[in-house]
Protein backbone atom coordinates (compact mmCIF):
# COMPACT_ATOMS: atom_id res chain seq x y z
CA THR A 1 12.01 55.95 53.51
CA ASN A 2 9.64 58.36 51.71
CA ASP A 3 12.19 57.66 48.28
CA THR A 4 11.31 54.49 48.72
CA VAL A 5 7.90 54.96 49.06
CA ASP A 6 7.88 56.88 46.07
CA LYS A 7 9.62 54.45 44.23
CA CYS A 8 7.03 52.13 44.76
CA LEU A 9 4.15 54.45 43.79
CA GLU A 10 6.07 55.09 40.20
CA VAL A 11 5.88 51.64 39.87
CA LEU A 12 2.81 50.90 40.50
CA GLU A 13 1.44 53.62 38.36
CA SER A 14 3.74 52.12 35.53
CA ILE A 15 2.00 48.97 35.92
CA ARG A 16 -1.51 50.54 36.46
CA PRO A 17 -2.46 50.84 32.89
CA PHE A 18 -2.02 46.62 32.04
CA LEU A 19 -4.03 45.57 35.19
CA ASN A 20 -6.71 48.70 33.80
CA ALA A 21 -6.82 47.05 30.55
CA ASP A 22 -7.59 43.38 32.21
CA GLY A 23 -10.49 45.37 34.53
CA GLY A 24 -7.87 45.61 37.70
CA ASP A 25 -6.24 47.74 39.68
CA ILE A 26 -3.76 47.79 42.30
CA GLU A 27 -3.45 49.89 45.57
CA PHE A 28 -0.40 50.69 47.72
CA VAL A 29 -0.60 49.59 51.08
CA LYS A 30 2.60 49.97 53.01
CA TYR A 31 6.63 49.18 51.91
CA GLU A 32 7.69 47.20 55.27
CA ASP A 33 10.75 45.19 56.59
CA ASP A 34 11.72 45.74 52.63
CA TYR A 35 8.54 43.84 51.28
CA LEU A 36 6.14 45.52 49.26
CA PHE A 37 2.37 45.39 50.40
CA VAL A 38 -0.31 46.17 47.39
CA LYS A 39 -4.13 45.28 47.42
CA LEU A 40 -4.84 43.89 44.07
CA LEU A 41 -8.78 44.76 43.14
CA GLY A 42 -11.26 44.65 40.15
CA ALA A 43 -10.57 41.64 37.95
CA CYS A 44 -7.43 40.85 39.72
CA VAL A 45 -9.43 39.38 42.81
CA GLY A 46 -9.95 35.88 42.19
CA CYS A 47 -7.99 36.00 38.69
CA SER A 48 -6.07 32.42 38.50
CA PHE A 49 -2.89 34.26 36.85
CA ILE A 50 -2.83 36.42 40.43
CA ASP A 51 0.50 34.86 41.54
CA TYR A 52 1.92 34.55 38.57
CA THR A 53 1.08 38.71 37.76
CA ILE A 54 2.63 39.66 41.49
CA GLU A 55 5.56 37.33 41.04
CA ASP A 56 6.74 37.92 37.42
CA ASN A 57 5.11 41.25 36.75
CA ILE A 58 4.90 43.70 40.01
CA TYR A 59 7.92 41.94 42.16
CA GLU A 60 10.60 42.23 39.18
CA SER A 61 9.23 45.84 38.10
CA VAL A 62 9.71 46.88 42.01
CA LYS A 63 12.93 44.83 42.44
CA GLU A 64 14.55 46.78 39.49
CA ALA A 65 13.49 50.21 41.02
CA ILE A 66 14.67 48.80 44.28
CA PRO A 67 16.90 46.25 44.51
CA THR A 68 16.62 45.56 48.41
CA CYS A 69 13.16 44.78 48.37
CA LYS A 70 12.66 40.91 49.10
CA GLY A 71 8.85 40.22 47.52
CA VAL A 72 5.68 41.59 46.77
CA ILE A 73 2.49 40.78 49.25
CA ASN A 74 -0.99 41.00 48.36
CA VAL A 75 -2.94 42.21 51.30
CA GLU A 76 -6.96 40.57 50.99
CA ILE A 77 -9.12 42.61 53.01
């Protein structure tokens, strides 16, 4: 729903400054089947901490806002 997408965007906006501080960024792709699809950009691409960032930072933040979210998937394009 649009409400869910809005919540996703709010969470990503709250995370963005931390990623920007390390030279990275994040882009919303879609929310589908209870999964948030994002694209990590900049220094995040190829970073050895990318899985940690997705699981422990992004997913935990999204899960607080959207309890039904099952996971965050980084779309590599």
